[in-house]
């Protein structure tokens, strides 16, 4: 008698466990649940992509600083060196009218003769 009660209880417990497991799987396969899972995965992918972009930006800044240090771009110029040449590039005396101030573009070697390329 005790044997039958044991197996009856074991079978009932297995049935409850299996039913619960099947119901959970069915709830995961509903359209609403699938949409929520897809949205969560998209959000996670977006976070990973943002972290990757931030890592790339940090790496670029670090590498730029390293290159600037190696090439000497981060150093202050020597005050004994002559001032850099300025090129008068914008405006002429006819266009300026009463205001005779000429605008300069500094540190450039580009010529502004438009006919040069033709």
C-alpha atoms as a PDB file:
ATOM      1  CA  UNK A   1       0.000   0.000   0.000  1.00  0.00           C
ATOM      2  CA  UNK A   2       2.802   2.351   0.859  1.00  0.00           C
ATOM      3  CA  UNK A   3       4.429   1.539  -2.452  1.00  0.00           C
ATOM      4  CA  UNK A   4       1.349   2.518  -4.450  1.00  0.00           C
ATOM      5  CA  UNK A   5       1.015   5.808  -2.573  1.00  0.00           C
ATOM      6  CA  UNK A   6       4.640   6.650  -3.279  1.00  0.00           C
ATOM      7  CA  UNK A   7       4.332   6.044  -7.034  1.00  0.00           C
ATOM      8  CA  UNK A   8       1.003   7.871  -7.202  1.00  0.00           C
ATOM      9  CA  UNK A   9       2.562  10.926  -5.506  1.00  0.00           C
ATOM     10  CA  UNK A  10       5.656  10.744  -7.705  1.00  0.00           C
ATOM     11  CA  UNK A  11       3.489  10.595 -10.864  1.00  0.00           C
ATOM     12  CA  UNK A  12       1.322  13.493  -9.732  1.00  0.00           C
ATOM     13  CA  UNK A  13       4.415  15.625  -8.968  1.00  0.00           C
ATOM     14  CA  UNK A  14       5.911  14.784 -12.376  1.00  0.00           C
ATOM     15  CA  UNK A  15       2.625  15.747 -14.060  1.00  0.00           C
ATOM     16  CA  UNK A  16       2.463  19.089 -12.247  1.00  0.00           C
ATOM     17  CA  UNK A  17       6.092  19.812 -13.084  1.00  0.00           C
ATOM     18  CA  UNK A  18       5.597  18.946 -16.780  1.00  0.00           C
ATOM     19  CA  UNK A  19       2.393  20.993 -17.037  1.00  0.00           C
ATOM     20  CA  UNK A  20       4.077  24.021 -15.469  1.00  0.00           C
ATOM     21  CA  UNK A  21       7.053  23.686 -17.801  1.00  0.00           C
ATOM     22  CA  UNK A  22       4.840  23.420 -20.912  1.00  0.00           C
ATOM     23  CA  UNK A  23       2.717  26.421 -19.865  1.00  0.00           C
ATOM     24  CA  UNK A  24       5.830  28.574 -19.385  1.00  0.00           C
ATOM     25  CA  UNK A  25       7.094  27.633 -22.855  1.00  0.00           C
ATOM     26  CA  UNK A  26       3.715  28.450 -24.394  1.00  0.00           C
ATOM     27  CA  UNK A  27       3.678  31.873 -22.718  1.00  0.00           C
ATOM     28  CA  UNK A  28       7.126  32.579 -24.149  1.00  0.00           C
ATOM     29  CA  UNK A  29       5.818  31.853 -27.655  1.00  0.00           C
ATOM     30  CA  UNK A  30       2.914  34.311 -27.622  1.00  0.00           C
ATOM     31  CA  UNK A  31       3.233  37.248 -30.075  1.00  0.00           C
ATOM     32  CA  UNK A  32       3.428  39.797 -27.243  1.00  0.00           C
ATOM     33  CA  UNK A  33       6.198  37.881 -25.515  1.00  0.00           C
ATOM     34  CA  UNK A  34       8.143  37.446 -28.757  1.00  0.00           C
ATOM     35  CA  UNK A  35       7.843  41.187 -29.485  1.00  0.00           C
ATOM     36  CA  UNK A  36       9.078  42.030 -25.976  1.00  0.00           C
ATOM     37  CA  UNK A  37      12.027  39.646 -26.347  1.00  0.00           C
ATOM     38  CA  UNK A  38      12.947  41.193 -29.709  1.00  0.00           C
ATOM     39  CA  UNK A  39      12.734  44.700 -28.239  1.00  0.00           C
ATOM     40  CA  UNK A  40      14.950  43.723 -25.311  1.00  0.00           C
ATOM     41  CA  UNK A  41      17.524  42.198 -27.653  1.00  0.00           C
ATOM     42  CA  UNK A  42      17.479  45.323 -29.829  1.00  0.00           C
ATOM     43  CA  UNK A  43      18.045  47.521 -26.773  1.00  0.00           C
ATOM     44  CA  UNK A  44      20.923  45.310 -25.638  1.00  0.00           C
ATOM     45  CA  UNK A  45      22.467  45.444 -29.109  1.00  0.00           C
ATOM     46  CA  UNK A  46      22.129  49.235 -29.088  1.00  0.00           C
ATOM     47  CA  UNK A  47      23.911  49.446 -25.737  1.00  0.00           C
ATOM     48  CA  UNK A  48      26.718  47.210 -26.980  1.00  0.00           C
ATOM     49  CA  UNK A  49      27.055  49.313 -30.140  1.00  0.00           C
ATOM     50  CA  UNK A  50      27.176  52.520 -28.096  1.00  0.00           C
ATOM     51  CA  UNK A  51      29.864  51.052 -25.820  1.00  0.00           C
ATOM     52  CA  UNK A  52      31.844  49.992 -28.895  1.00  0.00           C
ATOM     53  CA  UNK A  53      31.591  53.486 -30.397  1.00  0.00           C
ATOM     54  CA  UNK A  54      32.743  55.057 -27.125  1.00  0.00           C
ATOM     55  CA  UNK A  55      35.680  52.642 -26.966  1.00  0.00           C
ATOM     56  CA  UNK A  56      36.626  53.522 -30.548  1.00  0.00           C
ATOM     57  CA  UNK A  57      36.403  57.254 -29.762  1.00  0.00           C
ATOM     58  CA  UNK A  58      38.591  56.825 -26.665  1.00  0.00           C
ATOM     59  CA  UNK A  59      41.110  54.823 -28.672  1.00  0.00           C
ATOM     60  CA  UNK A  60      41.179  57.463 -31.390  1.00  0.00           C
ATOM     61  CA  UNK A  61      41.763  60.241 -28.856  1.00  0.00           C
ATOM     62  CA  UNK A  62      44.516  58.247 -27.180  1.00  0.00           C
ATOM     63  CA  UNK A  63      46.217  57.499 -30.489  1.00  0.00           C
ATOM     64  CA  UNK A  64      45.917  61.120 -31.608  1.00  0.00           C
ATOM     65  CA  UNK A  65      47.565  62.234 -28.354  1.00  0.00           C
ATOM     66  CA  UNK A  66      50.355  59.697 -28.869  1.00  0.00           C
ATOM     67  CA  UNK A  67      50.945  60.876 -32.435  1.00  0.00           C
ATOM     68  CA  UNK A  68      50.855  64.512 -31.374  1.00  0.00           C
ATOM     69  CA  UNK A  69      53.458  63.787 -28.715  1.00  0.00           C
ATOM     70  CA  UNK A  70      55.714  61.879 -31.121  1.00  0.00           C
ATOM     71  CA  UNK A  71      55.426  64.535 -33.846  1.00  0.00           C
ATOM     72  CA  UNK A  72      55.838  67.397 -31.393  1.00  0.00           C
ATOM     73  CA  UNK A  73      52.465  68.966 -32.144  1.00  0.00           C
ATOM     74  CA  UNK A  74      51.540  69.347 -28.483  1.00  0.00           C
ATOM     75  CA  UNK A  75      54.582  71.431 -27.597  1.00  0.00           C
ATOM     76  CA  UNK A  76      54.391  75.193 -27.284  1.00  0.00           C
ATOM     77  CA  UNK A  77      56.245  77.080 -30.016  1.00  0.00           C
ATOM     78  CA  UNK A  78      59.609  78.549 -29.193  1.00  0.00           C
ATOM     79  CA  UNK A  79      59.189  82.303 -28.507  1.00  0.00           C
ATOM     80  CA  UNK A  80      62.490  83.024 -30.238  1.00  0.00           C
ATOM     81  CA  UNK A  81      61.205  81.797 -33.591  1.00  0.00           C
ATOM     82  CA  UNK A  82      59.859  84.415 -36.022  1.00  0.00           C
ATOM     83  CA  UNK A  83      56.097  84.890 -36.251  1.00  0.00           C
ATOM     84  CA  UNK A  84      54.405  82.870 -38.957  1.00  0.00           C
ATOM     85  CA  UNK A  85      53.648  84.534 -42.245  1.00  0.00           C
ATOM     86  CA  UNK A  86      50.129  85.720 -42.870  1.00  0.00           C
ATOM     87  CA  UNK A  87      48.536  85.617 -46.304  1.00  0.00           C
ATOM     88  CA  UNK A  88      46.075  88.333 -47.278  1.00  0.00           C
ATOM     89  CA  UNK A  89      43.372  86.262 -48.893  1.00  0.00           C
ATOM     90  CA  UNK A  90      39.959  87.756 -48.384  1.00  0.00           C
ATOM     91  CA  UNK A  91      38.790  91.098 -49.716  1.00  0.00           C
ATOM     92  CA  UNK A  92      40.444  93.850 -51.724  1.00  0.00           C
ATOM     93  CA  UNK A  93      40.437  97.614 -51.262  1.00  0.00           C
ATOM     94  CA  UNK A  94      37.549  98.191 -53.715  1.00  0.00           C
ATOM     95  CA  UNK A  95      35.241  95.754 -51.936  1.00  0.00           C
ATOM     96  CA  UNK A  96      36.136  96.957 -48.451  1.00  0.00           C
ATOM     97  CA  UNK A  97      34.900 100.546 -48.964  1.00  0.00           C
ATOM     98  CA  UNK A  98      35.347 102.764 -45.892  1.00  0.00           C
ATOM     99  CA  UNK A  99      36.347  99.832 -43.706  1.00  0.00           C
ATOM    100  CA  UNK A 100      39.957  99.257 -44.886  1.00  0.00           C
ATOM    101  CA  UNK A 101      40.530  96.241 -42.654  1.00  0.00           C
ATOM    102  CA  UNK A 102      41.890  93.210 -44.518  1.00  0.00           C
ATOM    103  CA  UNK A 103      40.965  89.738 -43.284  1.00  0.00           C
ATOM    104  CA  UNK A 104      43.775  87.208 -43.081  1.00  0.00           C
ATOM    105  CA  UNK A 105      43.760  83.459 -43.131  1.00  0.00           C
ATOM    106  CA  UNK A 106      46.612  82.162 -41.022  1.00  0.00           C
ATOM    107  CA  UNK A 107      48.847  79.166 -41.595  1.00  0.00           C
ATOM    108  CA  UNK A 108      47.780  78.302 -45.102  1.00  0.00           C
ATOM    109  CA  UNK A 109      49.674  77.720 -48.322  1.00  0.00           C
ATOM    110  CA  UNK A 110      46.595  77.496 -50.535  1.00  0.00           C
ATOM    111  CA  UNK A 111      46.427  80.141 -53.250  1.00  0.00           C
ATOM    112  CA  UNK A 112      43.119  81.740 -53.943  1.00  0.00           C
ATOM    113  CA  UNK A 113      43.610  82.382 -57.661  1.00  0.00           C
ATOM    114  CA  UNK A 114      40.560  80.761 -59.180  1.00  0.00           C
ATOM    115  CA  UNK A 115      42.056  80.800 -62.689  1.00  0.00           C
ATOM    116  CA  UNK A 116      45.023  78.730 -61.617  1.00  0.00           C
ATOM    117  CA  UNK A 117      43.209  75.423 -62.097  1.00  0.00           C
ATOM    118  CA  UNK A 118      41.987  76.160 -65.636  1.00  0.00           C
END
